[in-house]
Full PDB file with SEQRES, HELIX, SHEET, SSBOND, CRYST1, ORIGX, SCALE, CONECT and MASTER records, all heavy atoms in Angstrom:
SEQRES   1 A   40  GLY ASP ARG ARG LEU ARG ASP ARG THR SER ARG PHE ALA          
SEQRES   2 A   40  ASP PHE TYR THR GLY ALA ASP PRO ARG ALA PRO ASN TYR          
SEQRES   3 A   40  ASP PRO ARG THR ARG VAL ILE ARG SER MET MET ASN GLY          
SEQRES   4 A   40  SER                                                          
HELIX    1 AA1 ARG A    3  THR A   17  1                                  15    
SHEET    1 AA1 2 TYR A  26  ASP A  27  0                                        
SHEET    2 AA1 2 VAL A  32  ILE A  33 -1                                        
CRYST1    1.000    1.000    1.000  90.00  90.00  90.00 P 1           1          
ORIGX1      1.000000  0.000000  0.000000        0.00000                         
ORIGX2      0.000000  1.000000  0.000000        0.00000                         
ORIGX3      0.000000  0.000000  1.000000        0.00000                         
SCALE1      1.000000  0.000000  0.000000        0.00000                         
SCALE2      0.000000  1.000000  0.000000        0.00000                         
SCALE3      0.000000  0.000000  1.000000        0.00000                         
ATOM      1  N   GLY A   1    -116.914 -88.629 141.335  1.00  0.00           N  
ATOM      2  CA  GLY A   1    -117.512 -88.976 140.075  1.00  0.00           C  
ATOM      3  C   GLY A   1    -116.788 -90.023 139.274  1.00  0.00           C  
ATOM      4  O   GLY A   1    -117.226 -90.383 138.171  1.00  0.00           O  
ATOM      5  N   ASP A   2    -115.686 -90.571 139.782  1.00  0.00           N  
ATOM      6  CA  ASP A   2    -114.913 -91.583 139.106  1.00  0.00           C  
ATOM      7  C   ASP A   2    -115.660 -92.893 139.112  1.00  0.00           C  
ATOM      8  O   ASP A   2    -115.792 -93.560 140.145  1.00  0.00           O  
ATOM      9  CB  ASP A   2    -113.556 -91.716 139.765  1.00  0.00           C  
ATOM     10  CG  ASP A   2    -112.630 -92.677 139.077  1.00  0.00           C  
ATOM     11  OD1 ASP A   2    -113.081 -93.500 138.285  1.00  0.00           O  
ATOM     12  OD2 ASP A   2    -111.397 -92.558 139.312  1.00  0.00           O  
ATOM     13  N   ARG A   3    -116.153 -93.320 137.932  1.00  0.00           N  
ATOM     14  CA  ARG A   3    -116.951 -94.575 137.873  1.00  0.00           C  
ATOM     15  C   ARG A   3    -116.149 -95.791 138.330  1.00  0.00           C  
ATOM     16  O   ARG A   3    -116.691 -96.696 139.032  1.00  0.00           O  
ATOM     17  CB  ARG A   3    -117.454 -94.784 136.431  1.00  0.00           C  
ATOM     18  CG  ARG A   3    -118.061 -96.163 136.202  1.00  0.00           C  
ATOM     19  CD  ARG A   3    -119.304 -96.438 137.024  1.00  0.00           C  
ATOM     20  NE  ARG A   3    -120.391 -95.529 136.732  1.00  0.00           N  
ATOM     21  CZ  ARG A   3    -121.555 -95.537 137.390  1.00  0.00           C  
ATOM     22  NH1 ARG A   3    -121.783 -96.410 138.361  1.00  0.00           N  
ATOM     23  NH2 ARG A   3    -122.515 -94.663 137.086  1.00  0.00           N  
ATOM     24  N   ARG A   4    -114.885 -95.850 137.992  1.00  0.00           N  
ATOM     25  CA  ARG A   4    -114.064 -96.966 138.387  1.00  0.00           C  
ATOM     26  C   ARG A   4    -113.907 -97.020 139.929  1.00  0.00           C  
ATOM     27  O   ARG A   4    -114.010 -98.080 140.523  1.00  0.00           O  
ATOM     28  CB  ARG A   4    -112.679 -96.806 137.785  1.00  0.00           C  
ATOM     29  CG  ARG A   4    -111.751 -98.014 138.038  1.00  0.00           C  
ATOM     30  CD  ARG A   4    -110.569 -97.980 137.084  1.00  0.00           C  
ATOM     31  NE  ARG A   4    -109.991 -96.619 137.011  1.00  0.00           N  
ATOM     32  CZ  ARG A   4    -109.014 -96.324 136.116  1.00  0.00           C  
ATOM     33  NH1 ARG A   4    -108.578 -97.190 135.269  1.00  0.00           N  
ATOM     34  NH2 ARG A   4    -108.481 -95.077 136.129  1.00  0.00           N  
ATOM     35  N   LEU A   5    -113.816 -95.876 140.573  1.00  0.00           N  
ATOM     36  CA  LEU A   5    -113.778 -95.826 142.027  1.00  0.00           C  
ATOM     37  C   LEU A   5    -115.055 -96.261 142.628  1.00  0.00           C  
ATOM     38  O   LEU A   5    -115.063 -97.077 143.640  1.00  0.00           O  
ATOM     39  CB  LEU A   5    -113.417 -94.374 142.477  1.00  0.00           C  
ATOM     40  CG  LEU A   5    -113.517 -94.151 144.038  1.00  0.00           C  
ATOM     41  CD1 LEU A   5    -112.429 -94.969 144.727  1.00  0.00           C  
ATOM     42  CD2 LEU A   5    -113.359 -92.634 144.355  1.00  0.00           C  
ATOM     43  N   ARG A   6    -116.172 -95.833 142.135  1.00  0.00           N  
ATOM     44  CA  ARG A   6    -117.448 -96.260 142.646  1.00  0.00           C  
ATOM     45  C   ARG A   6    -117.679 -97.725 142.524  1.00  0.00           C  
ATOM     46  O   ARG A   6    -118.119 -98.420 143.416  1.00  0.00           O  
ATOM     47  CB  ARG A   6    -118.595 -95.469 141.956  1.00  0.00           C  
ATOM     48  CG  ARG A   6    -118.579 -94.010 142.212  1.00  0.00           C  
ATOM     49  CD  ARG A   6    -119.933 -93.353 141.950  1.00  0.00           C  
ATOM     50  NE  ARG A   6    -120.381 -93.550 140.557  1.00  0.00           N  
ATOM     51  CZ  ARG A   6    -120.200 -92.648 139.574  1.00  0.00           C  
ATOM     52  NH1 ARG A   6    -119.508 -91.554 139.808  1.00  0.00           N  
ATOM     53  NH2 ARG A   6    -120.648 -92.879 138.369  1.00  0.00           N  
ATOM     54  N   ASP A   7    -117.318 -98.293 141.353  1.00  0.00           N  
ATOM     55  CA  ASP A   7    -117.496 -99.752 141.102  1.00  0.00           C  
ATOM     56  C   ASP A   7    -116.572-100.533 142.027  1.00  0.00           C  
ATOM     57  O   ASP A   7    -117.011-101.513 142.641  1.00  0.00           O  
ATOM     58  CB  ASP A   7    -117.219-100.087 139.692  1.00  0.00           C  
ATOM     59  CG  ASP A   7    -118.244 -99.509 138.703  1.00  0.00           C  
ATOM     60  OD1 ASP A   7    -119.342 -99.121 139.197  1.00  0.00           O  
ATOM     61  OD2 ASP A   7    -118.031 -99.504 137.495  1.00  0.00           O  
ATOM     62  N   ARG A   8    -115.336-100.065 142.134  1.00  0.00           N  
ATOM     63  CA  ARG A   8    -114.408-100.840 143.065  1.00  0.00           C  
ATOM     64  C   ARG A   8    -114.862-100.806 144.512  1.00  0.00           C  
ATOM     65  O   ARG A   8    -114.803-101.794 145.183  1.00  0.00           O  
ATOM     66  CB  ARG A   8    -113.019-100.197 142.937  1.00  0.00           C  
ATOM     67  CG  ARG A   8    -112.135-100.786 141.872  1.00  0.00           C  
ATOM     68  CD  ARG A   8    -110.747-100.274 141.964  1.00  0.00           C  
ATOM     69  NE  ARG A   8    -109.962-100.724 140.816  1.00  0.00           N  
ATOM     70  CZ  ARG A   8    -109.111 -99.992 140.153  1.00  0.00           C  
ATOM     71  NH1 ARG A   8    -108.896 -98.693 140.514  1.00  0.00           N  
ATOM     72  NH2 ARG A   8    -108.454-100.477 139.116  1.00  0.00           N  
ATOM     73  N   THR A   9    -115.301 -99.657 144.964  1.00  0.00           N  
ATOM     74  CA  THR A   9    -115.679 -99.516 146.345  1.00  0.00           C  
ATOM     75  C   THR A   9    -116.868-100.442 146.682  1.00  0.00           C  
ATOM     76  O   THR A   9    -116.871-101.173 147.701  1.00  0.00           O  
ATOM     77  CB  THR A   9    -116.028 -98.068 146.676  1.00  0.00           C  
ATOM     78  OG1 THR A   9    -114.902 -97.250 146.334  1.00  0.00           O  
ATOM     79  CG2 THR A   9    -116.311 -97.927 148.164  1.00  0.00           C  
ATOM     80  N   SER A  10    -117.846-100.518 145.746  1.00  0.00           N  
ATOM     81  CA  SER A  10    -118.940-101.393 145.954  1.00  0.00           C  
ATOM     82  C   SER A  10    -118.524-102.862 145.901  1.00  0.00           C  
ATOM     83  O   SER A  10    -119.009-103.642 146.723  1.00  0.00           O  
ATOM     84  CB  SER A  10    -120.025-101.154 144.894  1.00  0.00           C  
ATOM     85  OG  SER A  10    -120.619 -99.851 145.073  1.00  0.00           O  
ATOM     86  N   ARG A  11    -117.636-103.166 144.978  1.00  0.00           N  
ATOM     87  CA  ARG A  11    -117.144-104.567 144.879  1.00  0.00           C  
ATOM     88  C   ARG A  11    -116.381-104.993 146.139  1.00  0.00           C  
ATOM     89  O   ARG A  11    -116.630-106.064 146.687  1.00  0.00           O  
ATOM     90  CB  ARG A  11    -116.257-104.743 143.661  1.00  0.00           C  
ATOM     91  CG  ARG A  11    -115.846-106.182 143.445  1.00  0.00           C  
ATOM     92  CD  ARG A  11    -114.833-106.422 142.326  1.00  0.00           C  
ATOM     93  NE  ARG A  11    -114.736-105.314 141.398  1.00  0.00           N  
ATOM     94  CZ  ARG A  11    -113.602-104.669 141.137  1.00  0.00           C  
ATOM     95  NH1 ARG A  11    -112.471-105.017 141.694  1.00  0.00           N  
ATOM     96  NH2 ARG A  11    -113.595-103.706 140.232  1.00  0.00           N  
ATOM     97  N   PHE A  12    -115.514-104.133 146.593  1.00  0.00           N  
ATOM     98  CA  PHE A  12    -114.742-104.421 147.800  1.00  0.00           C  
ATOM     99  C   PHE A  12    -115.669-104.527 148.967  1.00  0.00           C  
ATOM    100  O   PHE A  12    -115.507-105.490 149.800  1.00  0.00           O  
ATOM    101  CB  PHE A  12    -113.736-103.308 148.075  1.00  0.00           C  
ATOM    102  CG  PHE A  12    -112.634-103.207 147.068  1.00  0.00           C  
ATOM    103  CD1 PHE A  12    -111.682-102.182 147.127  1.00  0.00           C  
ATOM    104  CD2 PHE A  12    -112.490-104.153 146.042  1.00  0.00           C  
ATOM    105  CE1 PHE A  12    -110.644-102.049 146.219  1.00  0.00           C  
ATOM    106  CE2 PHE A  12    -111.443-103.984 145.103  1.00  0.00           C  
ATOM    107  CZ  PHE A  12    -110.529-102.940 145.219  1.00  0.00           C  
ATOM    108  N   ALA A  13    -116.642-103.651 149.134  1.00  0.00           N  
ATOM    109  CA  ALA A  13    -117.617-103.780 150.232  1.00  0.00           C  
ATOM    110  C   ALA A  13    -118.378-105.054 150.209  1.00  0.00           C  
ATOM    111  O   ALA A  13    -118.649-105.661 151.274  1.00  0.00           O  
ATOM    112  CB  ALA A  13    -118.532-102.558 150.197  1.00  0.00           C  
ATOM    113  N   ASP A  14    -118.706-105.506 149.009  1.00  0.00           N  
ATOM    114  CA  ASP A  14    -119.503-106.738 148.881  1.00  0.00           C  
ATOM    115  C   ASP A  14    -118.684-107.997 149.238  1.00  0.00           C  
ATOM    116  O   ASP A  14    -119.285-109.062 149.438  1.00  0.00           O  
ATOM    117  CB  ASP A  14    -120.091-106.837 147.511  1.00  0.00           C  
ATOM    118  CG  ASP A  14    -121.447-106.169 147.381  1.00  0.00           C  
ATOM    119  OD1 ASP A  14    -122.109-105.991 148.460  1.00  0.00           O  
ATOM    120  OD2 ASP A  14    -121.856-105.746 146.287  1.00  0.00           O  
ATOM    121  N   PHE A  15    -117.378-107.865 149.346  1.00  0.00           N  
ATOM    122  CA  PHE A  15    -116.640-109.011 149.897  1.00  0.00           C  
ATOM    123  C   PHE A  15    -117.017-109.224 151.345  1.00  0.00           C  
ATOM    124  O   PHE A  15    -116.742-110.273 151.905  1.00  0.00           O  
ATOM    125  CB  PHE A  15    -115.122-108.754 149.749  1.00  0.00           C  
ATOM    126  CG  PHE A  15    -114.591-108.702 148.394  1.00  0.00           C  
ATOM    127  CD1 PHE A  15    -113.453-107.956 148.070  1.00  0.00           C  
ATOM    128  CD2 PHE A  15    -115.196-109.420 147.393  1.00  0.00           C  
ATOM    129  CE1 PHE A  15    -112.907-107.909 146.810  1.00  0.00           C  
ATOM    130  CE2 PHE A  15    -114.701-109.326 146.061  1.00  0.00           C  
ATOM    131  CZ  PHE A  15    -113.530-108.616 145.780  1.00  0.00           C  
ATOM    132  N   TYR A  16    -117.671-108.192 151.973  1.00  0.00           N  
ATOM    133  CA  TYR A  16    -117.950-108.237 153.401  1.00  0.00           C  
ATOM    134  C   TYR A  16    -119.407-108.112 153.746  1.00  0.00           C  
ATOM    135  O   TYR A  16    -119.786-108.280 154.914  1.00  0.00           O  
ATOM    136  CB  TYR A  16    -117.108-107.150 154.140  1.00  0.00           C  
ATOM    137  CG  TYR A  16    -115.641-107.456 154.019  1.00  0.00           C  
ATOM    138  CD1 TYR A  16    -114.876-106.927 152.975  1.00  0.00           C  
ATOM    139  CD2 TYR A  16    -115.053-108.419 154.817  1.00  0.00           C  
ATOM    140  CE1 TYR A  16    -113.537-107.245 152.822  1.00  0.00           C  
ATOM    141  CE2 TYR A  16    -113.719-108.729 154.661  1.00  0.00           C  
ATOM    142  CZ  TYR A  16    -112.966-108.194 153.673  1.00  0.00           C  
ATOM    143  OH  TYR A  16    -111.659-108.531 153.491  1.00  0.00           O  
ATOM    144  N   THR A  17    -120.273-107.795 152.782  1.00  0.00           N  
ATOM    145  CA  THR A  17    -121.747-107.723 153.065  1.00  0.00           C  
ATOM    146  C   THR A  17    -122.403-109.103 152.983  1.00  0.00           C  
ATOM    147  O   THR A  17    -123.529-109.212 153.379  1.00  0.00           O  
ATOM    148  CB  THR A  17    -122.404-106.782 152.037  1.00  0.00           C  
ATOM    149  OG1 THR A  17    -122.289-107.323 150.727  1.00  0.00           O  
ATOM    150  CG2 THR A  17    -121.764-105.420 152.105  1.00  0.00           C  
ATOM    151  N   GLY A  18    -121.706-110.083 152.412  1.00  0.00           N  
ATOM    152  CA  GLY A  18    -122.314-111.355 152.144  1.00  0.00           C  
ATOM    153  C   GLY A  18    -122.949-111.509 150.769  1.00  0.00           C  
ATOM    154  O   GLY A  18    -123.524-112.506 150.421  1.00  0.00           O  
ATOM    155  N   ALA A  19    -122.842-110.424 149.952  1.00  0.00           N  
ATOM    156  CA  ALA A  19    -123.464-110.378 148.633  1.00  0.00           C  
ATOM    157  C   ALA A  19    -122.651-111.079 147.568  1.00  0.00           C  
ATOM    158  O   ALA A  19    -123.175-111.409 146.499  1.00  0.00           O  
ATOM    159  CB  ALA A  19    -123.790-108.942 148.217  1.00  0.00           C  
ATOM    160  N   ASP A  20    -121.324-111.284 147.765  1.00  0.00           N  
ATOM    161  CA  ASP A  20    -120.458-111.856 146.778  1.00  0.00           C  
ATOM    162  C   ASP A  20    -120.065-113.252 147.187  1.00  0.00           C  
ATOM    163  O   ASP A  20    -119.259-113.467 148.068  1.00  0.00           O  
ATOM    164  CB  ASP A  20    -119.244-110.998 146.615  1.00  0.00           C  
ATOM    165  CG  ASP A  20    -118.415-111.395 145.360  1.00  0.00           C  
ATOM    166  OD1 ASP A  20    -118.505-112.541 144.952  1.00  0.00           O  
ATOM    167  OD2 ASP A  20    -117.698-110.515 144.875  1.00  0.00           O  
ATOM    168  N   PRO A  21    -120.609-114.288 146.562  1.00  0.00           N  
ATOM    169  CA  PRO A  21    -120.297-115.669 146.938  1.00  0.00           C  
ATOM    170  C   PRO A  21    -118.836-116.052 146.688  1.00  0.00           C  
ATOM    171  O   PRO A  21    -118.423-117.104 147.205  1.00  0.00           O  
ATOM    172  CB  PRO A  21    -121.257-116.476 146.098  1.00  0.00           C  
ATOM    173  CG  PRO A  21    -121.578-115.648 144.892  1.00  0.00           C  
ATOM    174  CD  PRO A  21    -121.562-114.242 145.413  1.00  0.00           C  
ATOM    175  N   ARG A  22    -118.093-115.249 145.905  1.00  0.00           N  
ATOM    176  CA  ARG A  22    -116.670-115.562 145.640  1.00  0.00           C  
ATOM    177  C   ARG A  22    -115.819-115.311 146.889  1.00  0.00           C  
ATOM    178  O   ARG A  22    -114.740-115.790 146.959  1.00  0.00           O  
ATOM    179  CB  ARG A  22    -116.189-114.751 144.478  1.00  0.00           C  
ATOM    180  CG  ARG A  22    -116.968-114.935 143.186  1.00  0.00           C  
ATOM    181  CD  ARG A  22    -116.469-113.969 142.133  1.00  0.00           C  
ATOM    182  NE  ARG A  22    -116.732-112.588 142.524  1.00  0.00           N  
ATOM    183  CZ  ARG A  22    -116.381-111.509 141.764  1.00  0.00           C  
ATOM    184  NH1 ARG A  22    -115.788-111.704 140.611  1.00  0.00           N  
ATOM    185  NH2 ARG A  22    -116.646-110.285 142.185  1.00  0.00           N  
ATOM    186  N   ALA A  23    -116.375-114.512 147.833  1.00  0.00           N  
ATOM    187  CA  ALA A  23    -115.577-114.171 149.037  1.00  0.00           C  
ATOM    188  C   ALA A  23    -116.590-114.244 150.209  1.00  0.00           C  
ATOM    189  O   ALA A  23    -117.057-113.217 150.712  1.00  0.00           O  
ATOM    190  CB  ALA A  23    -115.018-112.741 148.903  1.00  0.00           C  
ATOM    191  N   PRO A  24    -116.883-115.470 150.694  1.00  0.00           N  
ATOM    192  CA  PRO A  24    -117.889-115.621 151.762  1.00  0.00           C  
ATOM    193  C   PRO A  24    -117.390-115.290 153.145  1.00  0.00           C  
ATOM    194  O   PRO A  24    -117.376-116.090 154.038  1.00  0.00           O  
ATOM    195  CB  PRO A  24    -118.233-117.131 151.604  1.00  0.00           C  
ATOM    196  CG  PRO A  24    -116.962-117.753 151.154  1.00  0.00           C  
ATOM    197  CD  PRO A  24    -116.331-116.756 150.215  1.00  0.00           C  
ATOM    198  N   ASN A  25    -116.940-114.049 153.285  1.00  0.00           N  
ATOM    199  CA  ASN A  25    -116.374-113.648 154.590  1.00  0.00           C  
ATOM    200  C   ASN A  25    -117.388-113.436 155.685  1.00  0.00           C  
ATOM    201  O   ASN A  25    -117.185-113.721 156.868  1.00  0.00           O  
ATOM    202  CB  ASN A  25    -115.565-112.312 154.389  1.00  0.00           C  
ATOM    203  CG  ASN A  25    -114.363-112.492 153.547  1.00  0.00           C  
ATOM    204  OD1 ASN A  25    -113.448-113.279 153.913  1.00  0.00           O  
ATOM    205  ND2 ASN A  25    -114.280-111.779 152.431  1.00  0.00           N  
ATOM    206  N   TYR A  26    -118.570-112.928 155.250  1.00  0.00           N  
ATOM    207  CA  TYR A  26    -119.619-112.452 156.248  1.00  0.00           C  
ATOM    208  C   TYR A  26    -120.761-113.474 156.262  1.00  0.00           C  
ATOM    209  O   TYR A  26    -121.250-113.942 155.271  1.00  0.00           O  
ATOM    210  CB  TYR A  26    -120.112-111.086 155.828  1.00  0.00           C  
ATOM    211  CG  TYR A  26    -121.033-110.465 156.838  1.00  0.00           C  
ATOM    212  CD1 TYR A  26    -120.570-110.065 158.065  1.00  0.00           C  
ATOM    213  CD2 TYR A  26    -122.391-110.294 156.559  1.00  0.00           C  
ATOM    214  CE1 TYR A  26    -121.463-109.489 159.017  1.00  0.00           C  
ATOM    215  CE2 TYR A  26    -123.251-109.675 157.470  1.00  0.00           C  
ATOM    216  CZ  TYR A  26    -122.773-109.311 158.706  1.00  0.00           C  
ATOM    217  OH  TYR A  26    -123.591-108.693 159.580  1.00  0.00           O  
ATOM    218  N   ASP A  27    -121.196-113.766 157.492  1.00  0.00           N  
ATOM    219  CA  ASP A  27    -122.382-114.587 157.747  1.00  0.00           C  
ATOM    220  C   ASP A  27    -123.499-113.703 158.248  1.00  0.00           C  
ATOM    221  O   ASP A  27    -123.468-113.265 159.410  1.00  0.00           O  
ATOM    222  CB  ASP A  27    -122.063-115.704 158.740  1.00  0.00           C  
ATOM    223  CG  ASP A  27    -123.218-116.681 158.885  1.00  0.00           C  
ATOM    224  OD1 ASP A  27    -124.360-116.320 158.560  1.00  0.00           O  
ATOM    225  OD2 ASP A  27    -122.957-117.815 159.368  1.00  0.00           O  
ATOM    226  N   PRO A  28    -124.480-113.395 157.427  1.00  0.00           N  
ATOM    227  CA  PRO A  28    -125.475-112.471 157.907  1.00  0.00           C  
ATOM    228  C   PRO A  28    -126.399-113.037 158.936  1.00  0.00           C  
ATOM    229  O   PRO A  28    -127.067-112.296 159.669  1.00  0.00           O  
ATOM    230  CB  PRO A  28    -126.318-112.215 156.579  1.00  0.00           C  
ATOM    231  CG  PRO A  28    -126.026-113.364 155.681  1.00  0.00           C  
ATOM    232  CD  PRO A  28    -124.615-113.804 155.988  1.00  0.00           C  
ATOM    233  N   ARG A  29    -126.444-114.379 159.082  1.00  0.00           N  
ATOM    234  CA  ARG A  29    -127.233-114.971 160.135  1.00  0.00           C  
ATOM    235  C   ARG A  29    -126.676-114.728 161.524  1.00  0.00           C  
ATOM    236  O   ARG A  29    -127.380-114.358 162.464  1.00  0.00           O  
ATOM    237  CB  ARG A  29    -127.353-116.477 159.911  1.00  0.00           C  
ATOM    238  CG  ARG A  29    -128.048-116.900 158.675  1.00  0.00           C  
ATOM    239  CD  ARG A  29    -127.984-118.414 158.419  1.00  0.00           C  
ATOM    240  NE  ARG A  29    -126.583-118.926 158.319  1.00  0.00           N  
ATOM    241  CZ  ARG A  29    -125.985-119.573 159.308  1.00  0.00           C  
ATOM    242  NH1 ARG A  29    -126.562-119.814 160.426  1.00  0.00           N  
ATOM    243  NH2 ARG A  29    -124.749-119.958 159.113  1.00  0.00           N  
ATOM    244  N   THR A  30    -125.381-114.880 161.677  1.00  0.00           N  
ATOM    245  CA  THR A  30    -124.710-114.617 162.943  1.00  0.00           C  
ATOM    246  C   THR A  30    -124.075-113.243 163.077  1.00  0.00           C  
ATOM    247  O   THR A  30    -123.617-112.834 164.095  1.00  0.00           O  
ATOM    248  CB  THR A  30    -123.654-115.656 163.217  1.00  0.00           C  
ATOM    249  OG1 THR A  30    -122.706-115.680 162.079  1.00  0.00           O  
ATOM    250  CG2 THR A  30    -124.247-117.101 163.287  1.00  0.00           C  
ATOM    251  N   ARG A  31    -124.107-112.484 161.985  1.00  0.00           N  
ATOM    252  CA  ARG A  31    -123.554-111.125 161.916  1.00  0.00           C  
ATOM    253  C   ARG A  31    -122.067-111.086 162.321  1.00  0.00           C  
ATOM    254  O   ARG A  31    -121.682-110.296 163.122  1.00  0.00           O  
ATOM    255  CB  ARG A  31    -124.392-110.194 162.758  1.00  0.00           C  
ATOM    256  CG  ARG A  31    -125.862-110.072 162.324  1.00  0.00           C  
ATOM    257  CD  ARG A  31    -126.767-109.712 163.443  1.00  0.00           C  
ATOM    258  NE  ARG A  31    -126.738-108.296 163.736  1.00  0.00           N  
ATOM    259  CZ  ARG A  31    -127.245-107.790 164.813  1.00  0.00           C  
ATOM    260  NH1 ARG A  31    -127.776-108.570 165.766  1.00  0.00           N  
ATOM    261  NH2 ARG A  31    -127.215-106.494 165.073  1.00  0.00           N  
ATOM    262  N   VAL A  32    -121.307-112.012 161.711  1.00  0.00           N  
ATOM    263  CA  VAL A  32    -119.907-112.093 161.957  1.00  0.00           C  
ATOM    264  C   VAL A  32    -119.150-112.181 160.671  1.00  0.00           C  
ATOM    265  O   VAL A  32    -119.663-112.689 159.676  1.00  0.00           O  
ATOM    266  CB  VAL A  32    -119.470-113.283 162.838  1.00  0.00           C  
ATOM    267  CG1 VAL A  32    -120.176-113.180 164.220  1.00  0.00           C  
ATOM    268  CG2 VAL A  32    -119.774-114.625 162.186  1.00  0.00           C  
ATOM    269  N   ILE A  33    -117.947-111.618 160.668  1.00  0.00           N  
ATOM    270  CA  ILE A  33    -116.919-111.960 159.655  1.00  0.00           C  
ATOM    271  C   ILE A  33    -116.207-113.149 160.199  1.00  0.00           C  
ATOM    272  O   ILE A  33    -115.711-113.156 161.295  1.00  0.00           O  
ATOM    273  CB  ILE A  33    -115.988-110.753 159.381  1.00  0.00           C  
ATOM    274  CG1 ILE A  33    -116.803-109.655 158.639  1.00  0.00           C  
ATOM    275  CG2 ILE A  33    -114.823-111.191 158.533  1.00  0.00           C  
ATOM    276  CD1 ILE A  33    -116.003-108.355 158.397  1.00  0.00           C  
ATOM    277  N   ARG A  34    -116.171-114.220 159.422  1.00  0.00           N  
ATOM    278  CA  ARG A  34    -115.911-115.563 159.964  1.00  0.00           C  
ATOM    279  C   ARG A  34    -114.455-115.826 160.405  1.00  0.00           C  
ATOM    280  O   ARG A  34    -114.257-116.790 161.103  1.00  0.00           O  
ATOM    281  CB  ARG A  34    -116.381-116.587 158.956  1.00  0.00           C  
ATOM    282  CG  ARG A  34    -117.865-116.452 158.594  1.00  0.00           C  
ATOM    283  CD  ARG A  34    -118.218-117.230 157.305  1.00  0.00           C  
ATOM    284  NE  ARG A  34    -117.971-118.670 157.459  1.00  0.00           N  
ATOM    285  CZ  ARG A  34    -117.574-119.439 156.442  1.00  0.00           C  
ATOM    286  NH1 ARG A  34    -117.342-118.908 155.239  1.00  0.00           N  
ATOM    287  NH2 ARG A  34    -117.358-120.705 156.658  1.00  0.00           N  
ATOM    288  N   SER A  35    -113.572-114.986 159.960  1.00  0.00           N  
ATOM    289  CA  SER A  35    -112.190-115.122 160.401  1.00  0.00           C  
ATOM    290  C   SER A  35    -111.532-113.755 160.363  1.00  0.00           C  
ATOM    291  O   SER A  35    -111.954-112.845 159.624  1.00  0.00           O  
ATOM    292  CB  SER A  35    -111.422-116.064 159.438  1.00  0.00           C  
ATOM    293  OG  SER A  35    -110.035-116.079 159.677  1.00  0.00           O  
ATOM    294  N   MET A  36    -110.497-113.555 161.233  1.00  0.00           N  
ATOM    295  CA  MET A  36    -109.768-112.291 161.121  1.00  0.00           C  
ATOM    296  C   MET A  36    -108.806-112.271 160.015  1.00  0.00           C  
ATOM    297  O   MET A  36    -108.255-111.199 159.625  1.00  0.00           O  
ATOM    298  CB  MET A  36    -109.139-111.928 162.500  1.00  0.00           C  
ATOM    299  CG  MET A  36    -107.853-112.733 162.803  1.00  0.00           C  
ATOM    300  SD  MET A  36    -107.093-112.034 164.277  1.00  0.00           S  
ATOM    301  CE  MET A  36    -106.691-110.388 163.753  1.00  0.00           C  
ATOM    302  N   MET A  37    -108.504-113.400 159.383  1.00  0.00           N  
ATOM    303  CA  MET A  37    -107.713-113.421 158.109  1.00  0.00           C  
ATOM    304  C   MET A  37    -108.710-113.611 157.004  1.00  0.00           C  
ATOM    305  O   MET A  37    -109.403-114.719 156.854  1.00  0.00           O  
ATOM    306  CB  MET A  37    -106.757-114.625 158.157  1.00  0.00           C  
ATOM    307  CG  MET A  37    -105.640-114.475 159.165  1.00  0.00           C  
ATOM    308  SD  MET A  37    -104.312-113.391 158.661  1.00  0.00           S  
ATOM    309  CE  MET A  37    -103.306-114.492 157.683  1.00  0.00           C  
ATOM    310  N   ASN A  38    -108.868-112.607 156.194  1.00  0.00           N  
ATOM    311  CA  ASN A  38    -109.945-112.597 155.153  1.00  0.00           C  
ATOM    312  C   ASN A  38    -109.535-111.697 153.986  1.00  0.00           C  
ATOM    313  O   ASN A  38    -108.551-111.031 154.033  1.00  0.00           O  
ATOM    314  CB  ASN A  38    -111.288-112.202 155.823  1.00  0.00           C  
ATOM    315  CG  ASN A  38    -111.148-110.792 156.477  1.00  0.00           C  
ATOM    316  OD1 ASN A  38    -110.947-109.785 155.819  1.00  0.00           O  
ATOM    317  ND2 ASN A  38    -111.205-110.751 157.780  1.00  0.00           N  
ATOM    318  N   GLY A  39    -110.338-111.754 152.971  1.00  0.00           N  
ATOM    319  CA  GLY A  39    -110.073-110.942 151.806  1.00  0.00           C  
ATOM    320  C   GLY A  39    -110.833-111.441 150.606  1.00  0.00           C  
ATOM    321  O   GLY A  39    -111.893-112.059 150.719  1.00  0.00           O  
ATOM    322  N   SER A  40    -110.346-111.164 149.470  1.00  0.00           N  
ATOM    323  CA  SER A  40    -111.069-111.516 148.169  1.00  0.00           C  
ATOM    324  C   SER A  40    -111.070-113.024 147.993  1.00  0.00           C  
ATOM    325  O   SER A  40    -111.863-113.542 147.181  1.00  0.00           O  
ATOM    326  CB  SER A  40    -110.454-110.833 146.977  1.00  0.00           C  
ATOM    327  OG  SER A  40    -109.083-111.134 146.897  1.00  0.00           O  
TER     328      SER A  40                                                      
MASTER        0    0    0    1    2    0    0    6  327    1    0    4          
END                                                                             
């Protein structure tokens, strides 16, 4: 029920779903994370 935990988890996940343009790790067209060195 911790709102901060829920918000953080979604934000961190979106670094990899392709939804956050600030961290373009994931390419949904090719379904790859573009480098093994990645993050925010």
